[in-house]
N, C-alpha and C. Protein backbone atom coordinates (compact mmCIF):
# COMPACT_ATOMS: atom_id res chain seq x y z
N MET A 1 0.84 -1.20 0.00
CA MET A 1 0.00 0.00 0.00
C MET A 1 0.88 1.25 0.00
N LEU A 2 0.60 2.15 -0.90
CA LEU A 2 1.35 3.39 -1.04
C LEU A 2 1.01 4.36 0.09
N SER A 3 2.05 4.85 0.77
CA SER A 3 1.86 5.90 1.78
C SER A 3 2.51 7.17 1.26
N LEU A 4 1.68 8.03 0.68
CA LEU A 4 2.22 9.29 0.18
C LEU A 4 2.75 10.16 1.31
N ARG A 5 2.14 10.06 2.48
CA ARG A 5 2.61 10.86 3.62
C ARG A 5 4.08 10.57 3.92
N LEU A 6 4.42 9.30 4.06
CA LEU A 6 5.80 8.93 4.36
C LEU A 6 6.74 9.30 3.21
N LEU A 7 6.29 9.08 1.99
CA LEU A 7 7.10 9.40 0.83
C LEU A 7 7.35 10.90 0.73
N VAL A 8 6.31 11.70 0.88
CA VAL A 8 6.47 13.16 0.80
C VAL A 8 7.46 13.64 1.86
N HIS A 9 7.36 13.13 3.07
CA HIS A 9 8.29 13.56 4.12
C HIS A 9 9.72 13.14 3.81
N ALA A 10 9.89 11.97 3.22
CA ALA A 10 11.23 11.53 2.83
C ALA A 10 11.80 12.44 1.74
N ILE A 11 10.98 12.80 0.77
CA ILE A 11 11.43 13.70 -0.30
C ILE A 11 11.78 15.07 0.26
N LEU A 12 10.96 15.58 1.16
CA LEU A 12 11.18 16.91 1.71
C LEU A 12 12.45 17.01 2.55
N GLU A 13 12.94 15.90 3.05
CA GLU A 13 14.19 15.93 3.82
C GLU A 13 15.35 16.47 2.99
N GLU A 14 15.28 16.28 1.67
CA GLU A 14 16.37 16.74 0.80
C GLU A 14 15.91 17.76 -0.23
N TYR A 15 14.70 18.27 -0.10
CA TYR A 15 14.17 19.23 -1.07
C TYR A 15 14.93 20.54 -0.96
N ALA A 16 15.44 21.05 -2.07
CA ALA A 16 16.33 22.21 -2.08
C ALA A 16 15.63 23.56 -2.04
N LEU A 17 14.35 23.60 -2.36
CA LEU A 17 13.64 24.87 -2.48
C LEU A 17 12.68 25.07 -1.30
N PRO A 18 12.14 26.27 -1.16
CA PRO A 18 11.15 26.49 -0.09
C PRO A 18 9.94 25.58 -0.30
N TRP A 19 9.49 24.97 0.77
CA TRP A 19 8.34 24.07 0.69
C TRP A 19 7.11 24.79 0.15
N ASP A 20 7.01 26.10 0.44
CA ASP A 20 5.85 26.86 0.01
C ASP A 20 6.11 27.63 -1.29
N GLY A 21 7.14 27.25 -2.02
CA GLY A 21 7.47 27.91 -3.28
C GLY A 21 6.55 27.51 -4.43
N LYS A 22 6.77 28.12 -5.58
CA LYS A 22 5.93 27.88 -6.76
C LYS A 22 5.97 26.44 -7.25
N HIS A 23 7.03 25.71 -6.96
CA HIS A 23 7.15 24.31 -7.37
C HIS A 23 7.13 23.37 -6.16
N GLY A 24 6.65 23.87 -5.04
CA GLY A 24 6.69 23.12 -3.79
C GLY A 24 5.43 22.33 -3.49
N VAL A 25 5.21 22.14 -2.23
CA VAL A 25 4.20 21.22 -1.72
C VAL A 25 2.78 21.54 -2.19
N SER A 26 2.38 22.80 -2.20
CA SER A 26 1.01 23.10 -2.64
C SER A 26 0.84 22.78 -4.12
N HIS A 27 1.89 23.00 -4.91
CA HIS A 27 1.84 22.62 -6.33
C HIS A 27 1.71 21.10 -6.45
N TRP A 28 2.51 20.35 -5.70
CA TRP A 28 2.43 18.89 -5.77
C TRP A 28 1.02 18.42 -5.44
N ALA A 29 0.44 19.04 -4.41
CA ALA A 29 -0.90 18.62 -3.97
C ALA A 29 -1.97 18.96 -5.01
N ARG A 30 -1.86 20.13 -5.64
CA ARG A 30 -2.83 20.47 -6.69
C ARG A 30 -2.66 19.55 -7.90
N VAL A 31 -1.42 19.23 -8.25
CA VAL A 31 -1.18 18.29 -9.34
C VAL A 31 -1.78 16.93 -8.99
N LEU A 32 -1.65 16.51 -7.75
CA LEU A 32 -2.25 15.26 -7.32
C LEU A 32 -3.77 15.31 -7.46
N GLU A 33 -4.39 16.37 -6.96
CA GLU A 33 -5.84 16.48 -7.07
C GLU A 33 -6.30 16.58 -8.52
N ASN A 34 -5.57 17.34 -9.34
CA ASN A 34 -5.89 17.41 -10.77
C ASN A 34 -5.79 16.02 -11.39
N GLY A 35 -4.71 15.33 -11.07
CA GLY A 35 -4.47 14.01 -11.66
C GLY A 35 -5.50 12.97 -11.26
N ILE A 36 -5.90 12.97 -10.01
CA ILE A 36 -6.92 12.01 -9.55
C ILE A 36 -8.24 12.28 -10.27
N ARG A 37 -8.59 13.56 -10.38
CA ARG A 37 -9.83 13.92 -11.07
C ARG A 37 -9.74 13.50 -12.54
N LEU A 38 -8.61 13.75 -13.16
CA LEU A 38 -8.43 13.37 -14.57
C LEU A 38 -8.44 11.86 -14.75
N ALA A 39 -7.76 11.14 -13.87
CA ALA A 39 -7.65 9.68 -14.00
C ALA A 39 -9.02 9.01 -14.01
N LYS A 40 -9.96 9.57 -13.26
CA LYS A 40 -11.32 9.02 -13.26
C LYS A 40 -11.97 9.15 -14.64
N LEU A 41 -11.54 10.14 -15.40
CA LEU A 41 -12.10 10.39 -16.73
C LEU A 41 -11.30 9.73 -17.85
N THR A 42 -9.98 9.59 -17.64
CA THR A 42 -9.12 9.07 -18.71
C THR A 42 -8.82 7.59 -18.59
N GLY A 43 -9.00 7.04 -17.39
CA GLY A 43 -8.64 5.65 -17.17
C GLY A 43 -7.17 5.45 -16.85
N ALA A 44 -6.46 6.53 -16.56
CA ALA A 44 -5.04 6.44 -16.21
C ALA A 44 -4.85 5.63 -14.93
N LYS A 45 -3.66 5.10 -14.77
CA LYS A 45 -3.32 4.35 -13.57
C LYS A 45 -3.07 5.32 -12.42
N THR A 46 -3.92 5.26 -11.42
CA THR A 46 -3.93 6.23 -10.33
C THR A 46 -2.61 6.26 -9.57
N GLU A 47 -2.02 5.12 -9.32
CA GLU A 47 -0.77 5.12 -8.54
C GLU A 47 0.35 5.84 -9.29
N ILE A 48 0.39 5.71 -10.60
CA ILE A 48 1.39 6.44 -11.38
C ILE A 48 1.15 7.93 -11.25
N VAL A 49 -0.09 8.35 -11.36
CA VAL A 49 -0.46 9.76 -11.24
C VAL A 49 -0.09 10.30 -9.86
N GLN A 50 -0.36 9.55 -8.81
CA GLN A 50 -0.03 9.98 -7.45
C GLN A 50 1.48 10.16 -7.30
N LEU A 51 2.23 9.19 -7.76
CA LEU A 51 3.69 9.26 -7.62
C LEU A 51 4.28 10.39 -8.46
N PHE A 52 3.77 10.57 -9.66
CA PHE A 52 4.22 11.67 -10.49
C PHE A 52 4.07 13.00 -9.77
N ALA A 53 2.95 13.19 -9.12
CA ALA A 53 2.67 14.47 -8.45
C ALA A 53 3.77 14.85 -7.46
N VAL A 54 4.31 13.88 -6.76
CA VAL A 54 5.32 14.21 -5.74
C VAL A 54 6.75 14.11 -6.26
N PHE A 55 6.99 13.43 -7.36
CA PHE A 55 8.36 13.32 -7.88
C PHE A 55 8.70 14.32 -8.97
N HIS A 56 7.75 14.78 -9.76
CA HIS A 56 8.08 15.51 -10.98
C HIS A 56 8.90 16.77 -10.76
N ASP A 57 8.68 17.50 -9.67
CA ASP A 57 9.44 18.71 -9.37
C ASP A 57 10.29 18.58 -8.10
N ALA A 58 10.42 17.38 -7.61
CA ALA A 58 11.08 17.15 -6.31
C ALA A 58 12.58 17.42 -6.31
N ARG A 59 13.18 17.50 -7.47
CA ARG A 59 14.63 17.73 -7.53
C ARG A 59 14.98 18.99 -8.31
N ARG A 60 14.06 19.94 -8.32
CA ARG A 60 14.38 21.25 -8.92
C ARG A 60 15.47 21.91 -8.08
N VAL A 61 16.30 22.71 -8.73
CA VAL A 61 17.34 23.45 -8.02
C VAL A 61 17.07 24.94 -7.99
N ASN A 62 16.01 25.37 -8.70
CA ASN A 62 15.58 26.77 -8.66
C ASN A 62 14.13 26.86 -9.09
N GLU A 63 13.55 28.04 -8.95
CA GLU A 63 12.15 28.26 -9.28
C GLU A 63 11.96 28.76 -10.71
N SER A 64 13.04 28.89 -11.48
CA SER A 64 12.89 29.36 -12.86
C SER A 64 13.30 28.25 -13.83
N VAL A 65 14.17 28.52 -14.76
CA VAL A 65 14.56 27.53 -15.77
C VAL A 65 15.50 26.49 -15.14
N ASP A 66 15.10 25.24 -15.23
CA ASP A 66 15.88 24.12 -14.69
C ASP A 66 15.63 22.94 -15.64
N LEU A 67 16.36 22.91 -16.72
CA LEU A 67 16.08 22.00 -17.82
C LEU A 67 16.19 20.52 -17.48
N GLU A 68 16.95 20.17 -16.49
CA GLU A 68 17.16 18.75 -16.17
C GLU A 68 16.38 18.28 -14.94
N HIS A 69 15.48 19.11 -14.43
CA HIS A 69 14.79 18.74 -13.19
C HIS A 69 13.90 17.52 -13.37
N GLY A 70 13.29 17.34 -14.53
CA GLY A 70 12.43 16.18 -14.74
C GLY A 70 13.21 14.87 -14.67
N GLU A 71 14.36 14.87 -15.30
CA GLU A 71 15.22 13.67 -15.26
C GLU A 71 15.69 13.39 -13.83
N ARG A 72 16.04 14.45 -13.09
CA ARG A 72 16.45 14.25 -11.69
C ARG A 72 15.29 13.71 -10.85
N GLY A 73 14.09 14.20 -11.10
CA GLY A 73 12.91 13.68 -10.40
C GLY A 73 12.67 12.22 -10.72
N ALA A 74 12.86 11.85 -11.98
CA ALA A 74 12.71 10.46 -12.40
C ALA A 74 13.76 9.58 -11.71
N GLU A 75 14.97 10.07 -11.62
CA GLU A 75 16.04 9.31 -10.95
C GLU A 75 15.75 9.16 -9.45
N LEU A 76 15.17 10.19 -8.85
CA LEU A 76 14.78 10.08 -7.44
C LEU A 76 13.72 8.99 -7.29
N ALA A 77 12.76 8.94 -8.21
CA ALA A 77 11.74 7.89 -8.17
C ALA A 77 12.41 6.51 -8.25
N ALA A 78 13.41 6.39 -9.12
CA ALA A 78 14.13 5.12 -9.25
C ALA A 78 14.82 4.75 -7.94
N ALA A 79 15.39 5.74 -7.27
CA ALA A 79 16.09 5.49 -6.00
C ALA A 79 15.12 5.11 -4.88
N CYS A 80 13.90 5.61 -4.95
CA CYS A 80 12.90 5.34 -3.91
C CYS A 80 12.10 4.06 -4.15
N ARG A 81 12.15 3.57 -5.38
CA ARG A 81 11.40 2.36 -5.73
C ARG A 81 11.91 1.18 -4.90
N GLY A 82 10.99 0.43 -4.36
CA GLY A 82 11.36 -0.72 -3.54
C GLY A 82 11.44 -0.39 -2.07
N ARG A 83 11.66 0.87 -1.75
CA ARG A 83 11.69 1.29 -0.35
C ARG A 83 10.39 1.98 0.04
N TRP A 84 9.97 2.97 -0.76
CA TRP A 84 8.78 3.75 -0.43
C TRP A 84 7.57 3.36 -1.25
N PHE A 85 7.79 2.69 -2.36
CA PHE A 85 6.68 2.24 -3.20
C PHE A 85 7.19 1.11 -4.10
N ASN A 86 6.24 0.35 -4.62
CA ASN A 86 6.56 -0.72 -5.57
C ASN A 86 5.66 -0.58 -6.78
N LEU A 87 6.24 -0.64 -7.94
CA LEU A 87 5.50 -0.69 -9.19
C LEU A 87 6.12 -1.78 -10.05
N VAL A 88 5.29 -2.49 -10.82
CA VAL A 88 5.83 -3.44 -11.78
C VAL A 88 6.63 -2.64 -12.81
N ASP A 89 7.53 -3.31 -13.50
CA ASP A 89 8.43 -2.62 -14.43
C ASP A 89 7.71 -1.74 -15.45
N ASP A 90 6.68 -2.26 -16.08
CA ASP A 90 5.96 -1.47 -17.09
C ASP A 90 5.40 -0.19 -16.50
N ASP A 91 4.81 -0.26 -15.32
CA ASP A 91 4.25 0.93 -14.69
C ASP A 91 5.35 1.88 -14.24
N PHE A 92 6.45 1.34 -13.72
CA PHE A 92 7.55 2.21 -13.33
C PHE A 92 8.12 2.94 -14.54
N ASN A 93 8.22 2.26 -15.66
CA ASN A 93 8.72 2.91 -16.88
C ASN A 93 7.82 4.07 -17.30
N LEU A 94 6.51 3.92 -17.11
CA LEU A 94 5.59 5.02 -17.40
C LEU A 94 5.83 6.20 -16.45
N LEU A 95 5.98 5.91 -15.16
CA LEU A 95 6.25 6.96 -14.18
C LEU A 95 7.55 7.67 -14.52
N TYR A 96 8.58 6.91 -14.82
CA TYR A 96 9.89 7.49 -15.13
C TYR A 96 9.78 8.43 -16.33
N ALA A 97 9.14 7.98 -17.39
CA ALA A 97 8.98 8.81 -18.59
C ALA A 97 8.14 10.04 -18.31
N ALA A 98 7.07 9.88 -17.53
CA ALA A 98 6.22 11.03 -17.20
C ALA A 98 7.03 12.11 -16.49
N CYS A 99 7.85 11.71 -15.53
CA CYS A 99 8.67 12.67 -14.80
C CYS A 99 9.76 13.26 -15.69
N ALA A 100 10.49 12.39 -16.37
CA ALA A 100 11.64 12.83 -17.15
C ALA A 100 11.28 13.81 -18.26
N PHE A 101 10.12 13.63 -18.86
CA PHE A 101 9.77 14.42 -20.04
C PHE A 101 8.61 15.40 -19.83
N HIS A 102 8.21 15.62 -18.58
CA HIS A 102 7.01 16.44 -18.34
C HIS A 102 7.15 17.89 -18.77
N ALA A 103 8.34 18.41 -18.83
CA ALA A 103 8.53 19.82 -19.18
C ALA A 103 8.89 20.03 -20.65
N ASP A 104 8.84 18.97 -21.43
CA ASP A 104 9.25 19.06 -22.83
C ASP A 104 8.15 19.50 -23.78
N GLY A 105 6.91 19.59 -23.30
CA GLY A 105 5.82 20.07 -24.13
C GLY A 105 5.13 19.02 -24.98
N GLY A 106 5.47 17.75 -24.78
CA GLY A 106 4.86 16.70 -25.58
C GLY A 106 3.40 16.46 -25.23
N THR A 107 2.70 15.82 -26.16
CA THR A 107 1.30 15.45 -25.92
C THR A 107 1.01 14.01 -26.32
N ASP A 108 1.91 13.37 -27.02
CA ASP A 108 1.68 12.02 -27.53
C ASP A 108 2.38 11.01 -26.62
N ALA A 109 1.59 10.22 -25.89
CA ALA A 109 2.15 9.24 -24.97
C ALA A 109 1.03 8.33 -24.48
N ASP A 110 1.39 7.37 -23.65
CA ASP A 110 0.42 6.51 -22.97
C ASP A 110 -0.53 7.40 -22.16
N VAL A 111 -1.77 6.95 -22.01
CA VAL A 111 -2.78 7.77 -21.33
C VAL A 111 -2.39 8.10 -19.88
N SER A 112 -1.67 7.24 -19.21
CA SER A 112 -1.24 7.56 -17.84
C SER A 112 -0.21 8.69 -17.86
N ILE A 113 0.68 8.68 -18.82
CA ILE A 113 1.66 9.77 -18.95
C ILE A 113 0.94 11.05 -19.34
N GLN A 114 0.03 10.97 -20.29
CA GLN A 114 -0.73 12.16 -20.69
C GLN A 114 -1.47 12.76 -19.50
N THR A 115 -2.05 11.92 -18.68
CA THR A 115 -2.78 12.39 -17.51
C THR A 115 -1.85 13.10 -16.54
N CYS A 116 -0.66 12.56 -16.34
CA CYS A 116 0.33 13.21 -15.48
C CYS A 116 0.69 14.59 -16.04
N TRP A 117 1.02 14.64 -17.31
CA TRP A 117 1.42 15.91 -17.92
C TRP A 117 0.30 16.94 -17.84
N ASP A 118 -0.93 16.50 -18.12
CA ASP A 118 -2.06 17.42 -18.03
C ASP A 118 -2.28 17.90 -16.60
N ALA A 119 -2.14 17.03 -15.63
CA ALA A 119 -2.33 17.41 -14.23
C ALA A 119 -1.36 18.53 -13.85
N ASP A 120 -0.14 18.46 -14.34
CA ASP A 120 0.86 19.50 -14.08
C ASP A 120 0.53 20.77 -14.86
N ARG A 121 0.22 20.64 -16.13
CA ARG A 121 -0.07 21.81 -16.97
C ARG A 121 -1.31 22.56 -16.50
N LEU A 122 -2.25 21.86 -15.91
CA LEU A 122 -3.44 22.53 -15.39
C LEU A 122 -3.12 23.45 -14.21
N ASP A 123 -1.93 23.34 -13.66
CA ASP A 123 -1.53 24.18 -12.52
C ASP A 123 -0.61 25.33 -12.94
N LEU A 124 -0.54 25.64 -14.21
CA LEU A 124 0.33 26.72 -14.68
C LEU A 124 -0.11 28.10 -14.20
N GLY A 125 -1.35 28.24 -13.81
CA GLY A 125 -1.83 29.52 -13.32
C GLY A 125 -1.04 30.05 -12.14
N ARG A 126 -0.39 29.18 -11.40
CA ARG A 126 0.39 29.61 -10.24
C ARG A 126 1.57 30.49 -10.66
N VAL A 127 2.00 30.40 -11.93
CA VAL A 127 3.09 31.23 -12.44
C VAL A 127 2.59 32.20 -13.51
N GLY A 128 1.27 32.44 -13.51
CA GLY A 128 0.70 33.44 -14.40
C GLY A 128 0.44 32.99 -15.83
N ILE A 129 0.40 31.69 -16.07
CA ILE A 129 0.15 31.16 -17.41
C ILE A 129 -1.15 30.38 -17.40
N ARG A 130 -2.09 30.79 -18.24
CA ARG A 130 -3.35 30.03 -18.36
C ARG A 130 -3.09 28.84 -19.26
N PRO A 131 -3.49 27.64 -18.84
CA PRO A 131 -3.27 26.44 -19.67
C PRO A 131 -3.94 26.63 -21.04
N GLU A 132 -3.17 26.35 -22.07
CA GLU A 132 -3.67 26.45 -23.44
C GLU A 132 -4.24 25.09 -23.85
N PRO A 133 -5.53 25.04 -24.16
CA PRO A 133 -6.16 23.74 -24.49
C PRO A 133 -5.42 22.93 -25.55
N SER A 134 -4.84 23.58 -26.54
CA SER A 134 -4.15 22.84 -27.60
C SER A 134 -2.87 22.17 -27.11
N LYS A 135 -2.38 22.59 -25.95
CA LYS A 135 -1.16 21.99 -25.39
C LYS A 135 -1.47 20.95 -24.33
N LEU A 136 -2.76 20.69 -24.11
CA LEU A 136 -3.17 19.63 -23.19
C LEU A 136 -3.35 18.35 -23.98
N CYS A 137 -3.10 17.24 -23.34
CA CYS A 137 -3.12 15.94 -24.02
C CYS A 137 -4.52 15.35 -24.17
N THR A 138 -5.39 15.62 -23.22
CA THR A 138 -6.67 14.91 -23.17
C THR A 138 -7.85 15.86 -23.21
N ARG A 139 -8.95 15.37 -23.73
CA ARG A 139 -10.21 16.12 -23.73
C ARG A 139 -10.64 16.42 -22.30
N ALA A 140 -10.43 15.46 -21.41
CA ALA A 140 -10.81 15.64 -20.01
C ALA A 140 -10.10 16.85 -19.41
N ALA A 141 -8.82 17.02 -19.69
CA ALA A 141 -8.08 18.16 -19.15
C ALA A 141 -8.61 19.47 -19.70
N ARG A 142 -8.95 19.49 -20.97
CA ARG A 142 -9.49 20.72 -21.56
C ARG A 142 -10.79 21.13 -20.87
N GLN A 143 -11.56 20.15 -20.42
CA GLN A 143 -12.80 20.44 -19.71
C GLN A 143 -12.55 20.96 -18.29
N LEU A 144 -11.42 20.61 -17.72
CA LEU A 144 -11.11 21.01 -16.33
C LEU A 144 -10.37 22.33 -16.20
N VAL A 145 -10.03 22.97 -17.32
CA VAL A 145 -9.24 24.20 -17.26
C VAL A 145 -9.84 25.24 -16.32
N PRO A 146 -11.12 25.59 -16.42
CA PRO A 146 -11.63 26.65 -15.52
C PRO A 146 -11.48 26.30 -14.04
N TRP A 147 -11.81 25.08 -13.67
CA TRP A 147 -11.72 24.65 -12.27
C TRP A 147 -10.27 24.67 -11.79
N ALA A 148 -9.39 24.00 -12.52
CA ALA A 148 -8.00 23.87 -12.09
C ALA A 148 -7.26 25.20 -12.14
N ASP A 149 -7.49 25.97 -13.19
CA ASP A 149 -6.79 27.24 -13.32
C ASP A 149 -7.19 28.21 -12.21
N GLY A 150 -8.45 28.20 -11.83
CA GLY A 150 -8.88 29.05 -10.72
C GLY A 150 -8.15 28.71 -9.44
N ARG A 151 -7.97 27.44 -9.18
CA ARG A 151 -7.26 27.00 -7.97
C ARG A 151 -5.79 27.39 -8.04
N ALA A 152 -5.20 27.25 -9.22
CA ALA A 152 -3.78 27.56 -9.40
C ALA A 152 -3.53 29.06 -9.25
N CYS A 153 -4.37 29.87 -9.91
CA CYS A 153 -4.19 31.33 -9.88
C CYS A 153 -4.25 31.89 -8.47
N PHE A 154 -5.10 31.31 -7.63
CA PHE A 154 -5.23 31.77 -6.26
C PHE A 154 -4.35 30.98 -5.30
N ASP A 155 -3.48 30.12 -5.85
CA ASP A 155 -2.53 29.34 -5.06
C ASP A 155 -3.22 28.63 -3.90
N ILE A 156 -4.33 27.97 -4.23
CA ILE A 156 -5.10 27.24 -3.22
C ILE A 156 -4.21 26.14 -2.62
N LEU A 157 -4.19 26.09 -1.31
CA LEU A 157 -3.45 25.05 -0.59
C LEU A 157 -4.44 23.93 -0.27
N PRO A 158 -4.36 22.81 -0.98
CA PRO A 158 -5.30 21.71 -0.71
C PRO A 158 -5.19 21.21 0.73
N ASP A 159 -6.33 20.86 1.30
CA ASP A 159 -6.38 20.35 2.67
C ASP A 159 -5.50 19.12 2.86
N LEU A 160 -5.31 18.34 1.80
CA LEU A 160 -4.54 17.11 1.96
C LEU A 160 -3.11 17.38 2.43
N VAL A 161 -2.58 18.58 2.19
CA VAL A 161 -1.23 18.91 2.65
C VAL A 161 -1.16 18.81 4.17
N ARG A 162 -2.13 19.38 4.83
CA ARG A 162 -2.16 19.34 6.31
C ARG A 162 -2.73 18.03 6.83
N VAL A 163 -3.85 17.62 6.25
CA VAL A 163 -4.60 16.48 6.79
C VAL A 163 -3.94 15.14 6.46
N GLU A 164 -3.67 14.90 5.19
CA GLU A 164 -3.13 13.59 4.78
C GLU A 164 -1.62 13.53 4.86
N TRP A 165 -0.94 14.62 4.49
CA TRP A 165 0.52 14.60 4.50
C TRP A 165 1.09 15.06 5.83
N GLY A 166 0.28 15.66 6.69
CA GLY A 166 0.73 16.07 8.02
C GLY A 166 1.78 17.16 8.01
N ILE A 167 1.69 18.10 7.09
CA ILE A 167 2.67 19.18 6.98
C ILE A 167 2.11 20.43 7.65
N ASP A 168 2.90 21.00 8.53
CA ASP A 168 2.53 22.23 9.24
C ASP A 168 2.73 23.40 8.29
N THR A 169 1.65 24.06 7.90
CA THR A 169 1.72 25.15 6.94
C THR A 169 1.58 26.52 7.60
N ARG A 170 1.56 26.56 8.92
CA ARG A 170 1.49 27.86 9.60
C ARG A 170 2.71 28.69 9.20
N GLY A 171 2.46 29.95 8.89
CA GLY A 171 3.55 30.83 8.53
C GLY A 171 3.88 30.82 7.05
N TRP A 172 3.06 30.16 6.24
CA TRP A 172 3.32 30.12 4.80
C TRP A 172 2.83 31.36 4.09
N GLY A 173 2.18 32.27 4.79
CA GLY A 173 1.75 33.51 4.18
C GLY A 173 0.50 33.41 3.35
N ARG A 174 -0.26 32.35 3.50
CA ARG A 174 -1.52 32.21 2.73
C ARG A 174 -2.68 32.63 3.59
């Protein structure tokens, strides 16, 4: 059974950026919520989507251009596999590719990868970019733009950060 709470805390022990930054915990949580909502519509593998949410930006070294952060996030997932989570090889390969290539702008991939990429792109409002429907992979994501973009623009901190992940957010300025 996957424990995102334990995994998130393990990742945060070495996270280089502010937890409340543009690529930090609230972003991961919104990507998770976007992804879960999308997976119900696309048929994506939920565990891949959950893991993507916490790994895809987990090894960024800055809040701006960081061209290799996806690959580093994928490598972190590889290092955590077997200790914090287990996936069969085919599913792990999907997770690895989703993380490694999420910032490349692609749209053609397995539906689980597409769902991961869309879940992240739906949160672009946090950096002042409205998701462009033509750059989303799935019809489901195009339908969720108003809901997800509104949450991103206002930097909504999902309850799961405090409740499920057990992270103290007092003092985050929200």
